[in-house]
């Protein structure tokens, strides 16, 4: 089972959009996919039209109040462990708990043979829940949007990833940085896209060959809580995410 954390401590970089569309594309390739929403904002859970009330969520799973299969919902876009806005309330408890960084890894081991892929949407910070996802993951994808301090944020994230590789998950692979909402007409977008490969060499990360182009259809699909591939299968972003999955699968 391949477990992919979609991670960036900065919000607004297309992290949730990337997680949802990679998971959806993998499902459409015939793979068994489990989505795990670790973000207390629960945007992925909303897109999946999954339930939070009167059901087990990631909060219950992290607090070991249920087993992993009990927390899985068969929702609109596929199987998901729903997010929960109450998750940060217990952050200090997890920090003081022996094995607190390994709770998610241990939980996912229960469904090791049930899925081909697990896609984890992480919170926009470098706290214990992102670290849990990185410790559990096979690899990490780092979405990036062209902004002034984007590279500085990557440096901090890379420090956390290297720390996890050293102390918690030596097998963690960096799949790469993925540029999102790319607008070829925008000078800053073009500049950051051009310097990313060299930056990657300096910081120790590869860069996906395919940037995800800015696309109105993404917002429309999110507004409808619908699959991008159902609503606009030939739009730029849908094509780009398919190509990214091909890179992941080694088919590019």
Protein backbone atom coordinates (compact mmCIF):
# COMPACT_ATOMS: atom_id res chain seq x y z
CA UNK A 1 0.00 0.00 0.00
CA UNK A 2 1.44 3.34 -1.09
CA UNK A 3 0.63 6.22 1.27
CA UNK A 4 1.04 9.75 -0.04
CA UNK A 5 0.97 12.85 2.16
CA UNK A 6 0.06 16.09 0.41
CA UNK A 7 1.84 18.65 2.54
CA UNK A 8 2.62 22.33 2.82
CA UNK A 9 2.47 24.38 6.00
CA UNK A 10 1.13 27.34 4.02
CA UNK A 11 -2.55 27.57 3.17
CA UNK A 12 -3.92 28.51 -0.23
CA UNK A 13 -1.42 26.52 -2.29
CA UNK A 14 -3.85 23.99 -3.77
CA UNK A 15 -3.10 21.26 -1.26
CA UNK A 16 -6.66 20.00 -0.85
CA UNK A 17 -7.41 20.36 -4.57
CA UNK A 18 -4.29 18.34 -5.35
CA UNK A 19 -5.13 15.63 -2.82
CA UNK A 20 -8.70 15.22 -4.09
CA UNK A 21 -7.82 15.14 -7.78
CA UNK A 22 -4.89 12.76 -7.40
CA UNK A 23 -7.09 10.42 -5.38
CA UNK A 24 -9.89 10.70 -7.94
CA UNK A 25 -7.53 10.08 -10.85
CA UNK A 26 -6.12 6.97 -9.16
CA UNK A 27 -9.63 5.63 -8.60
CA UNK A 28 -10.39 6.14 -12.28
CA UNK A 29 -7.22 4.21 -13.13
CA UNK A 30 -8.74 1.25 -11.28
CA UNK A 31 -6.85 1.52 -7.99
CA UNK A 32 -8.36 1.05 -4.56
CA UNK A 33 -7.90 4.40 -2.83
CA UNK A 34 -8.51 5.58 0.72
CA UNK A 35 -8.60 9.31 1.43
CA UNK A 36 -7.64 10.56 4.89
CA UNK A 37 -8.58 14.13 5.82
CA UNK A 38 -6.16 15.31 8.50
CA UNK A 39 -7.05 18.99 8.01
CA UNK A 40 -9.43 20.38 10.67
CA UNK A 41 -10.87 22.72 8.02
CA UNK A 42 -12.48 19.56 6.55
CA UNK A 43 -12.62 20.90 2.99
CA UNK A 44 -11.82 17.49 1.53
CA UNK A 45 -14.54 15.93 3.67
CA UNK A 46 -17.02 18.46 2.28
CA UNK A 47 -15.97 17.71 -1.29
CA UNK A 48 -16.45 14.00 -0.66
CA UNK A 49 -19.85 14.80 0.91
CA UNK A 50 -18.82 12.68 3.87
CA UNK A 51 -20.35 12.95 7.32
CA UNK A 52 -18.77 14.43 10.44
CA UNK A 53 -21.63 14.23 12.93
CA UNK A 54 -22.82 10.94 14.44
CA UNK A 55 -20.04 8.92 12.88
CA UNK A 56 -16.41 8.06 13.52
CA UNK A 57 -13.91 10.56 12.13
CA UNK A 58 -10.16 11.10 12.15
CA UNK A 59 -10.62 12.55 15.66
CA UNK A 60 -11.93 9.22 16.95
CA UNK A 61 -9.26 7.27 15.10
CA UNK A 62 -6.43 9.41 16.47
CA UNK A 63 -7.90 9.08 19.97
CA UNK A 64 -8.10 5.30 19.46
CA UNK A 65 -11.85 5.25 20.05
CA UNK A 66 -12.49 3.07 17.00
CA UNK A 67 -10.67 0.79 14.63
CA UNK A 68 -9.70 1.97 11.18
CA UNK A 69 -12.41 0.18 9.24
CA UNK A 70 -15.11 1.66 11.48
CA UNK A 71 -13.90 5.16 10.54
CA UNK A 72 -14.07 4.61 6.76
CA UNK A 73 -17.06 6.01 4.90
CA UNK A 74 -18.11 5.14 1.36
CA UNK A 75 -18.78 8.68 0.16
CA UNK A 76 -19.49 10.58 -3.05
CA UNK A 77 -15.93 10.48 -4.43
CA UNK A 78 -14.77 7.27 -2.77
CA UNK A 79 -13.65 5.86 0.57
CA UNK A 80 -12.66 8.44 3.16
CA UNK A 81 -11.80 8.88 6.81
CA UNK A 82 -13.52 12.20 7.45
CA UNK A 83 -11.81 15.21 8.96
CA UNK A 84 -12.94 16.76 12.23
CA UNK A 85 -12.71 20.40 13.39
CA UNK A 86 -12.16 19.18 16.98
CA UNK A 87 -8.88 17.49 16.14
CA UNK A 88 -6.58 20.36 17.27
CA UNK A 89 -8.17 20.37 20.74
CA UNK A 90 -6.11 17.31 21.72
CA UNK A 91 -2.81 18.31 20.11
CA UNK A 92 -1.00 18.70 23.44
CA UNK A 93 -2.20 15.27 24.52
CA UNK A 94 -0.70 13.64 21.44
CA UNK A 95 2.56 15.51 21.93
CA UNK A 96 2.94 14.11 25.45
CA UNK A 97 1.89 10.59 24.52
CA UNK A 98 4.47 7.88 23.93
CA UNK A 99 4.09 6.94 20.27
CA UNK A 100 2.02 10.06 19.61
CA UNK A 101 3.68 10.58 16.23
CA UNK A 102 2.93 7.03 15.09
CA UNK A 103 -0.82 6.81 15.73
CA UNK A 104 -1.83 7.22 12.09
CA UNK A 105 0.84 4.81 10.82
CA UNK A 106 -0.38 2.14 13.23
CA UNK A 107 -4.02 2.78 12.29
CA UNK A 108 -3.36 2.49 8.55
CA UNK A 109 -1.54 -0.80 9.06
CA UNK A 110 -4.96 -2.30 9.85
CA UNK A 111 -6.06 -1.78 6.23
CA UNK A 112 -2.71 -2.54 4.58
CA UNK A 113 -4.25 -5.13 2.26
CA UNK A 114 -7.50 -3.27 1.58
CA UNK A 115 -6.16 -0.43 -0.57
CA UNK A 116 -3.52 0.26 -3.18
CA UNK A 117 -3.14 3.93 -2.25
CA UNK A 118 -3.83 6.19 0.71
CA UNK A 119 -3.95 9.93 0.02
CA UNK A 120 -3.60 12.17 3.09
CA UNK A 121 -4.62 15.82 3.10
CA UNK A 122 -2.65 17.52 5.88
CA UNK A 123 -3.15 20.70 7.93
CA UNK A 124 -1.51 23.99 6.87
CA UNK A 125 1.06 23.91 9.68
CA UNK A 126 4.04 21.86 10.83
CA UNK A 127 2.30 20.41 13.87
CA UNK A 128 1.79 16.89 15.13
CA UNK A 129 -0.93 15.98 12.64
CA UNK A 130 1.22 16.78 9.63
CA UNK A 131 4.07 14.87 11.26
CA UNK A 132 1.74 11.91 11.83
CA UNK A 133 0.97 11.91 8.11
CA UNK A 134 4.67 12.11 7.19
CA UNK A 135 5.56 9.29 9.59
CA UNK A 136 2.78 7.17 8.08
CA UNK A 137 3.57 8.05 4.47
CA UNK A 138 5.48 6.24 1.79
CA UNK A 139 6.10 9.57 0.11
CA UNK A 140 5.20 13.25 0.12
CA UNK A 141 4.02 15.69 -2.53
CA UNK A 142 4.47 19.41 -1.82
CA UNK A 143 2.09 21.73 -3.71
CA UNK A 144 3.44 25.21 -4.32
CA UNK A 145 1.85 28.37 -5.62
CA UNK A 146 3.90 31.21 -7.10
CA UNK A 147 4.11 33.70 -4.24
CA UNK A 148 6.81 35.93 -2.80
CA UNK A 149 7.75 33.71 0.16
CA UNK A 150 6.97 30.36 -1.44
CA UNK A 151 10.57 29.14 -1.53
CA UNK A 152 11.18 30.13 2.11
CA UNK A 153 8.19 28.02 3.11
CA UNK A 154 9.58 25.06 1.21
CA UNK A 155 12.84 25.34 3.13
CA UNK A 156 11.02 25.04 6.46
CA UNK A 157 8.93 22.12 5.21
CA UNK A 158 12.05 20.34 3.96
CA UNK A 159 13.61 20.69 7.43
CA UNK A 160 10.60 18.92 8.93
CA UNK A 161 10.66 16.20 6.27
CA UNK A 162 14.37 15.55 6.80
CA UNK A 163 13.79 15.39 10.56
CA UNK A 164 11.04 12.80 10.02
CA UNK A 165 13.32 10.83 7.69
CA UNK A 166 16.03 10.83 10.34
CA UNK A 167 13.96 10.05 13.42
CA UNK A 168 10.58 8.60 12.43
CA UNK A 169 10.37 7.33 8.86
CA UNK A 170 13.69 6.70 7.09
CA UNK A 171 11.87 5.26 4.07
CA UNK A 172 9.92 8.47 3.37
CA UNK A 173 10.39 9.49 -0.26
CA UNK A 174 10.02 13.04 -1.55
CA UNK A 175 7.99 12.61 -4.73
CA UNK A 176 8.39 16.26 -5.55
CA UNK A 177 7.21 19.83 -5.51
CA UNK A 178 4.11 20.43 -7.60
CA UNK A 179 3.36 23.91 -8.89
CA UNK A 180 -0.36 24.71 -8.80
CA UNK A 181 -2.57 27.43 -10.32
CA UNK A 182 0.19 28.06 -12.86
CA UNK A 183 -0.50 30.99 -15.16
CA UNK A 184 1.96 31.17 -18.03
CA UNK A 185 0.92 34.81 -18.60
CA UNK A 186 2.05 35.79 -15.11
CA UNK A 187 5.69 36.88 -14.80
CA UNK A 188 6.11 35.70 -11.20
CA UNK A 189 4.68 32.28 -12.07
CA UNK A 190 7.14 31.95 -14.93
CA UNK A 191 10.08 33.10 -12.79
CA UNK A 192 9.37 30.64 -9.97
CA UNK A 193 8.75 27.81 -12.43
CA UNK A 194 12.12 28.49 -14.05
CA UNK A 195 14.09 28.56 -10.78
CA UNK A 196 12.35 25.58 -9.14
CA UNK A 197 14.66 22.87 -10.55
CA UNK A 198 17.79 24.65 -9.33
CA UNK A 199 16.13 25.35 -5.98
CA UNK A 200 15.27 21.68 -5.77
CA UNK A 201 18.89 20.70 -6.25
CA UNK A 202 19.89 23.06 -3.43
CA UNK A 203 17.23 21.90 -1.00
CA UNK A 204 17.01 18.25 -1.98
CA UNK A 205 13.65 17.88 -3.72
CA UNK A 206 12.64 16.95 -7.28
CA UNK A 207 10.05 18.93 -9.24
CA UNK A 208 7.11 17.44 -11.10
CA UNK A 209 7.44 17.98 -14.83
CA UNK A 210 3.83 19.04 -15.10
CA UNK A 211 2.57 22.25 -13.48
CA UNK A 212 -1.16 22.41 -12.79
CA UNK A 213 -2.49 25.25 -14.89
CA UNK A 214 -4.94 27.76 -13.43
CA UNK A 215 -8.42 26.63 -14.32
CA UNK A 216 -11.90 27.97 -13.54
CA UNK A 217 -13.36 24.46 -13.81
CA UNK A 218 -11.58 23.50 -10.55
CA UNK A 219 -13.53 26.12 -8.62
CA UNK A 220 -16.77 25.09 -10.32
CA UNK A 221 -16.26 21.43 -9.38
CA UNK A 222 -15.46 22.41 -5.79
CA UNK A 223 -18.59 24.57 -5.59
CA UNK A 224 -20.69 21.61 -6.71
CA UNK A 225 -18.81 19.06 -4.54
CA UNK A 226 -18.36 17.13 -7.76
CA UNK A 227 -15.56 15.30 -9.52
CA UNK A 228 -13.50 17.48 -11.83
CA UNK A 229 -13.30 14.51 -14.19
CA UNK A 230 -17.08 14.27 -14.39
CA UNK A 231 -17.72 17.98 -14.83
CA UNK A 232 -14.80 19.02 -17.06
CA UNK A 233 -12.69 16.00 -18.04
CA UNK A 234 -10.89 17.93 -20.80
CA UNK A 235 -10.06 21.08 -18.85
CA UNK A 236 -6.44 22.05 -18.29
CA UNK A 237 -6.31 21.04 -14.62
CA UNK A 238 -7.91 17.63 -15.24
CA UNK A 239 -5.36 16.89 -17.96
CA UNK A 240 -2.51 18.12 -15.76
CA UNK A 241 -3.49 15.99 -12.76
CA UNK A 242 -3.75 12.92 -14.98
CA UNK A 243 -0.21 13.62 -16.21
CA UNK A 244 0.97 14.02 -12.62
CA UNK A 245 -0.50 10.63 -11.74
CA UNK A 246 1.29 9.18 -14.75
CA UNK A 247 4.53 10.61 -13.35
CA UNK A 248 3.75 8.97 -10.01
CA UNK A 249 3.07 5.66 -11.71
CA UNK A 250 6.20 5.95 -13.84
CA UNK A 251 4.20 6.20 -17.05
CA UNK A 252 5.35 9.64 -18.19
